[in-house]
């Protein structure tokens, strides 16, 4: 299958326009139209329908694009590696993570590593847990950080339990306590991750075991969004220890106070590598640094 046809498909998918796809691909509009038509003939179904002058992906295109995008990333990484070898560069790190560690923990760790290893190129991506697991298994990424532990024959993993702190508005009485307990928050609504999140389930269980009513009014995708709502006085949320450690340095949220929460609740974090192929020397070196840093950072003060 011609890689140029896949690139054209991707560009039309993201732009919805033959003209814009041609500009981004540095080829003529007729060439883009011809390659797209040839690609549709090869696979036997339409990839786009025209609606109000814009090309809209079909269901088949939506399904296909995820695979094509991953393949194109892999090709780009290969091309960079070939160029890097010619220029005597020492290697590339390909890391994919959920949002939490990407906010400050990983960038700081990567910066420290690159300062002592200036020949290393780094690719840091954000994605969901399923895509990260698939990317590690396929070799698209070398190291992945996910938040749901699942055994797999394609992965090696190291699991960490990240202790959680409680974030409350600074004018709430609980902000004056050394340790916050559920009964101290009965007049506050909870802001949590989705209902299937392990931390959310544990928190609900704590309230149930104590015979307390669990009031959740806002569901968010990341802890960072939860903190923003707390800063606006909308309720309380849990913050894992990685973001806790960087709170004063990174977040400009003057109305938020963080305190230990009892009983202890943890956010699971898993570091993935492929067990089908060994890490390169560069990747193994960074992996060891990452694991050591997590072991230190995830301890309660």
Protein backbone atom coordinates (compact mmCIF):
# COMPACT_ATOMS: atom_id res chain seq x y z
CA UNK A 1 0.00 0.00 0.00
CA UNK A 2 1.38 3.40 -1.00
CA UNK A 3 2.33 5.52 2.02
CA UNK A 4 1.59 8.73 0.08
CA UNK A 5 -2.04 7.66 -0.31
CA UNK A 6 -2.26 7.15 3.44
CA UNK A 7 -0.79 10.61 4.04
CA UNK A 8 -3.33 12.16 1.66
CA UNK A 9 -6.16 10.30 3.40
CA UNK A 10 -4.96 11.64 6.76
CA UNK A 11 -4.70 15.22 5.50
CA UNK A 12 -8.18 15.17 3.96
CA UNK A 13 -9.51 13.59 7.18
CA UNK A 14 -8.15 16.36 9.42
CA UNK A 15 -8.83 19.29 7.06
CA UNK A 16 -12.04 18.21 5.32
CA UNK A 17 -10.71 19.84 2.18
CA UNK A 18 -8.89 18.69 -0.96
CA UNK A 19 -7.37 22.17 -1.29
CA UNK A 20 -5.99 22.26 2.27
CA UNK A 21 -4.80 18.66 2.00
CA UNK A 22 -2.90 19.55 -1.18
CA UNK A 23 -1.27 22.55 0.51
CA UNK A 24 -0.20 20.53 3.53
CA UNK A 25 1.04 17.65 1.34
CA UNK A 26 2.92 19.94 -1.09
CA UNK A 27 1.23 18.38 -4.12
CA UNK A 28 -1.40 19.61 -6.57
CA UNK A 29 -5.14 19.38 -5.94
CA UNK A 30 -5.65 17.01 -8.91
CA UNK A 31 -2.94 14.73 -7.51
CA UNK A 32 -4.68 14.61 -4.12
CA UNK A 33 -8.04 13.86 -5.72
CA UNK A 34 -6.52 11.11 -7.84
CA UNK A 35 -4.65 9.47 -4.94
CA UNK A 36 -7.75 9.57 -2.75
CA UNK A 37 -9.89 8.06 -5.52
CA UNK A 38 -7.30 5.34 -6.15
CA UNK A 39 -7.16 4.56 -2.45
CA UNK A 40 -10.96 4.21 -2.29
CA UNK A 41 -10.85 1.92 -5.34
CA UNK A 42 -8.22 -0.26 -3.66
CA UNK A 43 -10.11 -0.71 -0.40
CA UNK A 44 -13.55 -0.93 -2.00
CA UNK A 45 -15.55 1.69 -0.11
CA UNK A 46 -16.03 5.45 0.15
CA UNK A 47 -14.06 7.36 2.76
CA UNK A 48 -15.76 10.75 2.52
CA UNK A 49 -19.09 12.31 1.58
CA UNK A 50 -19.49 15.95 0.62
CA UNK A 51 -21.71 18.14 2.80
CA UNK A 52 -21.97 21.92 2.33
CA UNK A 53 -18.63 22.00 0.57
CA UNK A 54 -16.80 20.01 3.23
CA UNK A 55 -15.66 16.39 3.03
CA UNK A 56 -17.14 14.43 5.94
CA UNK A 57 -15.52 11.10 6.95
CA UNK A 58 -17.69 8.00 6.64
CA UNK A 59 -17.95 5.52 9.52
CA UNK A 60 -15.38 3.37 7.73
CA UNK A 61 -12.98 6.32 7.53
CA UNK A 62 -13.38 7.04 11.24
CA UNK A 63 -12.47 3.45 12.02
CA UNK A 64 -9.56 3.36 9.57
CA UNK A 65 -7.98 6.69 10.49
CA UNK A 66 -6.86 5.63 13.96
CA UNK A 67 -4.79 2.81 12.45
CA UNK A 68 -3.47 4.99 9.64
CA UNK A 69 -2.45 7.75 12.03
CA UNK A 70 -0.52 5.30 14.20
CA UNK A 71 1.23 3.91 11.12
CA UNK A 72 2.19 7.40 9.89
CA UNK A 73 3.63 8.25 13.30
CA UNK A 74 5.71 5.09 13.14
CA UNK A 75 6.99 5.98 9.66
CA UNK A 76 7.87 9.50 10.82
CA UNK A 77 9.76 8.07 13.80
CA UNK A 78 11.64 5.74 11.45
CA UNK A 79 12.58 8.61 9.16
CA UNK A 80 13.81 10.65 12.13
CA UNK A 81 15.85 7.67 13.36
CA UNK A 82 17.46 7.25 9.93
CA UNK A 83 18.39 10.93 9.83
CA UNK A 84 19.58 10.79 13.45
CA UNK A 85 21.90 7.87 12.70
CA UNK A 86 23.40 9.84 9.81
CA UNK A 87 24.03 12.80 12.10
CA UNK A 88 25.48 10.56 14.85
CA UNK A 89 22.65 11.29 17.26
CA UNK A 90 22.37 8.87 20.13
CA UNK A 91 18.68 7.93 19.98
CA UNK A 92 15.02 8.77 20.51
CA UNK A 93 12.64 8.30 23.41
CA UNK A 94 8.99 7.66 22.55
CA UNK A 95 6.74 8.12 25.58
CA UNK A 96 2.96 8.20 25.82
CA UNK A 97 1.05 9.08 28.98
CA UNK A 98 -2.28 9.98 30.46
CA UNK A 99 -2.73 13.66 31.30
CA UNK A 100 -1.76 13.82 35.00
CA UNK A 101 1.97 12.96 34.79
CA UNK A 102 2.32 15.08 31.63
CA UNK A 103 1.49 18.35 33.33
CA UNK A 104 4.78 18.83 35.18
CA UNK A 105 6.26 15.56 36.41
CA UNK A 106 7.32 14.12 33.04
CA UNK A 107 8.43 17.40 31.41
CA UNK A 108 10.68 18.13 34.39
CA UNK A 109 12.10 14.61 34.40
CA UNK A 110 12.66 14.68 30.63
CA UNK A 111 14.37 18.08 30.84
CA UNK A 112 16.74 16.79 33.54
CA UNK A 113 17.51 13.72 31.44
CA UNK A 114 18.13 15.68 28.25
CA UNK A 115 20.50 18.05 30.03
CA UNK A 116 22.79 15.12 30.79
CA UNK A 117 22.05 13.33 27.50
CA UNK A 118 22.02 16.13 24.90
CA UNK A 119 22.01 13.73 21.94
CA UNK A 120 18.58 12.30 22.79
CA UNK A 121 15.42 13.31 20.94
CA UNK A 122 12.15 12.92 22.86
CA UNK A 123 8.59 12.38 21.65
CA UNK A 124 5.97 12.85 24.40
CA UNK A 125 2.34 12.10 23.53
CA UNK A 126 -0.95 12.16 25.43
CA UNK A 127 -3.63 9.53 24.94
CA UNK A 128 -6.15 7.27 26.66
CA UNK A 129 -5.20 4.06 28.41
CA UNK A 130 -6.35 1.69 25.65
CA UNK A 131 -4.48 3.58 22.94
CA UNK A 132 -1.34 3.71 25.08
CA UNK A 133 -1.46 -0.05 25.68
CA UNK A 134 -1.93 -0.68 21.97
CA UNK A 135 0.90 1.71 21.13
CA UNK A 136 3.31 -0.04 23.51
CA UNK A 137 2.37 -3.47 22.16
CA UNK A 138 2.86 -2.34 18.53
CA UNK A 139 6.19 -0.62 19.21
CA UNK A 140 4.83 2.85 18.50
CA UNK A 141 5.91 3.92 21.99
CA UNK A 142 8.68 2.58 24.23
CA UNK A 143 7.29 3.67 27.61
CA UNK A 144 3.66 4.28 28.61
CA UNK A 145 1.99 5.60 31.75
CA UNK A 146 -1.62 4.51 32.35
CA UNK A 147 -4.00 4.64 35.28
CA UNK A 148 -5.77 1.28 35.08
CA UNK A 149 -3.85 -1.90 35.84
CA UNK A 150 -4.71 -4.78 33.50
CA UNK A 151 -2.60 -7.87 32.98
CA UNK A 152 -1.45 -8.46 29.41
CA UNK A 153 0.76 -10.93 27.59
CA UNK A 154 2.21 -8.03 25.55
CA UNK A 155 3.32 -5.75 28.39
CA UNK A 156 5.74 -5.62 31.27
CA UNK A 157 4.56 -3.24 33.97
CA UNK A 158 5.44 -1.68 37.28
CA UNK A 159 2.50 -0.44 39.37
CA UNK A 160 2.44 2.46 41.81
CA UNK A 161 -0.25 3.59 44.23
CA UNK A 162 -0.30 7.39 44.29
CA UNK A 163 -1.63 8.65 47.65
CA UNK A 164 -4.34 11.29 47.25
CA UNK A 165 -4.82 14.60 49.01
CA UNK A 166 -8.07 16.48 49.44
CA UNK A 167 -8.52 19.89 47.78
CA UNK A 168 -11.01 22.25 49.42
CA UNK A 169 -11.84 25.96 49.09
CA UNK A 170 -9.60 27.95 51.43
CA UNK A 171 -12.58 29.56 53.23
CA UNK A 172 -14.13 26.18 54.12
CA UNK A 173 -13.65 25.02 57.75
CA UNK A 174 -11.96 21.80 56.57
CA UNK A 175 -9.09 23.90 55.21
CA UNK A 176 -8.03 24.53 58.82
CA UNK A 177 -7.74 20.83 59.66
CA UNK A 178 -4.50 18.84 59.55
CA UNK A 179 -6.31 15.79 58.15
CA UNK A 180 -9.69 15.86 56.38
CA UNK A 181 -12.25 13.08 56.82
CA UNK A 182 -15.52 12.49 54.92
CA UNK A 183 -17.69 13.84 57.74
CA UNK A 184 -15.84 17.17 57.48
CA UNK A 185 -17.13 17.64 53.93
CA UNK A 186 -20.84 16.94 54.25
CA UNK A 187 -21.78 20.43 53.05
CA UNK A 188 -19.52 20.18 49.97
CA UNK A 189 -20.23 18.44 46.69
CA UNK A 190 -17.61 16.16 45.17
CA UNK A 191 -15.92 16.79 41.84
CA UNK A 192 -14.53 13.47 40.58
CA UNK A 193 -13.25 11.57 37.59
CA UNK A 194 -15.66 9.20 35.82
CA UNK A 195 -17.62 6.56 37.73
CA UNK A 196 -15.40 3.70 36.49
CA UNK A 197 -12.23 5.36 37.75
CA UNK A 198 -10.65 3.33 40.56
CA UNK A 199 -10.27 6.35 42.84
CA UNK A 200 -13.89 7.39 42.36
CA UNK A 201 -15.07 3.88 43.17
CA UNK A 202 -12.95 3.78 46.33
CA UNK A 203 -14.24 7.16 47.45
CA UNK A 204 -17.86 6.06 46.99
CA UNK A 205 -17.08 2.93 48.99
CA UNK A 206 -15.69 4.98 51.86
CA UNK A 207 -18.90 6.98 52.09
CA UNK A 208 -21.03 3.86 51.83
CA UNK A 209 -19.10 2.07 54.58
CA UNK A 210 -19.63 5.03 56.89
CA UNK A 211 -23.30 5.40 56.07
CA UNK A 212 -22.74 8.86 54.61
CA UNK A 213 -24.35 10.37 51.52
CA UNK A 214 -21.98 10.82 48.61
CA UNK A 215 -22.92 13.93 46.65
CA UNK A 216 -21.22 14.34 43.29
CA UNK A 217 -22.32 17.19 41.05
CA UNK A 218 -19.44 17.52 38.57
CA UNK A 219 -17.55 14.85 36.61
CA UNK A 220 -14.25 15.83 35.01
CA UNK A 221 -11.70 14.22 32.72
CA UNK A 222 -8.59 15.30 34.63
CA UNK A 223 -7.61 16.30 38.16
CA UNK A 224 -6.54 19.69 36.81
CA UNK A 225 -10.12 20.46 35.79
CA UNK A 226 -11.30 19.36 39.21
CA UNK A 227 -8.92 21.79 40.90
CA UNK A 228 -10.23 24.63 38.76
CA UNK A 229 -13.77 23.96 40.01
CA UNK A 230 -12.56 23.84 43.63
CA UNK A 231 -10.87 27.21 43.08
CA UNK A 232 -14.28 28.55 42.04
CA UNK A 233 -15.84 27.26 45.26
CA UNK A 234 -17.82 24.53 43.50
CA UNK A 235 -16.85 21.64 45.78
CA UNK A 236 -13.98 19.34 46.74
CA UNK A 237 -11.78 16.90 44.81
CA UNK A 238 -8.90 14.47 45.25
CA UNK A 239 -5.40 15.21 43.97
CA UNK A 240 -2.73 12.55 43.50
CA UNK A 241 0.65 13.05 45.10
CA UNK A 242 2.45 13.89 41.84
CA UNK A 243 0.28 16.94 41.22
CA UNK A 244 0.31 17.71 44.95
CA UNK A 245 4.09 18.04 44.92
CA UNK A 246 3.97 20.54 42.04
CA UNK A 247 0.90 22.43 43.23
CA UNK A 248 2.59 25.58 44.57
CA UNK A 249 5.11 25.70 41.72
CA UNK A 250 2.72 25.24 38.81
CA UNK A 251 -0.89 26.02 39.68
CA UNK A 252 -2.18 29.55 40.13
CA UNK A 253 -5.18 28.63 42.27
CA UNK A 254 -5.20 30.94 45.29
CA UNK A 255 -8.53 29.69 46.65
CA UNK A 256 -7.45 26.02 46.96
CA UNK A 257 -5.98 24.32 50.03
CA UNK A 258 -4.65 20.73 49.98
CA UNK A 259 -4.76 18.49 53.04
CA UNK A 260 -4.20 14.74 53.70
CA UNK A 261 -7.38 12.68 53.48
CA UNK A 262 -8.39 9.86 55.81
CA UNK A 263 -8.98 7.03 55.15
CA UNK A 264 -6.14 6.83 52.64
CA UNK A 265 -7.23 6.69 48.99
CA UNK A 266 -4.77 5.99 46.18
CA UNK A 267 -4.74 6.60 42.44
CA UNK A 268 -3.21 3.64 40.57
CA UNK A 269 -0.47 4.38 38.05
CA UNK A 270 1.19 1.76 35.85
CA UNK A 271 4.38 2.15 33.82
CA UNK A 272 4.31 -0.04 30.71
CA UNK A 273 6.97 -1.41 28.39
CA UNK A 274 6.74 -4.10 25.74
CA UNK A 275 7.77 -7.63 26.68
CA UNK A 276 8.02 -8.53 23.00
CA UNK A 277 11.16 -6.46 22.37
CA UNK A 278 13.81 -5.07 24.76
CA UNK A 279 14.22 -1.38 25.43
CA UNK A 280 17.09 0.38 23.72
CA UNK A 281 19.95 1.53 25.91
CA UNK A 282 18.65 5.11 25.91
CA UNK A 283 15.08 4.04 26.74
CA UNK A 284 16.25 1.66 29.48
CA UNK A 285 18.35 4.40 31.05
CA UNK A 286 15.38 6.79 31.12
CA UNK A 287 13.03 4.03 32.31
CA UNK A 288 15.28 3.32 35.31
CA UNK A 289 15.38 7.03 36.11
CA UNK A 290 11.59 7.25 35.82
CA UNK A 291 10.97 4.29 38.13
CA UNK A 292 13.40 5.62 40.72
CA UNK A 293 11.80 9.07 40.61
CA UNK A 294 8.30 7.62 41.02
CA UNK A 295 9.42 5.53 44.00
CA UNK A 296 10.65 8.71 45.67
CA UNK A 297 7.80 11.02 44.62
CA UNK A 298 4.97 8.68 45.63
CA UNK A 299 5.96 8.47 49.28
CA UNK A 300 3.90 10.46 51.74
CA UNK A 301 5.83 13.31 53.38
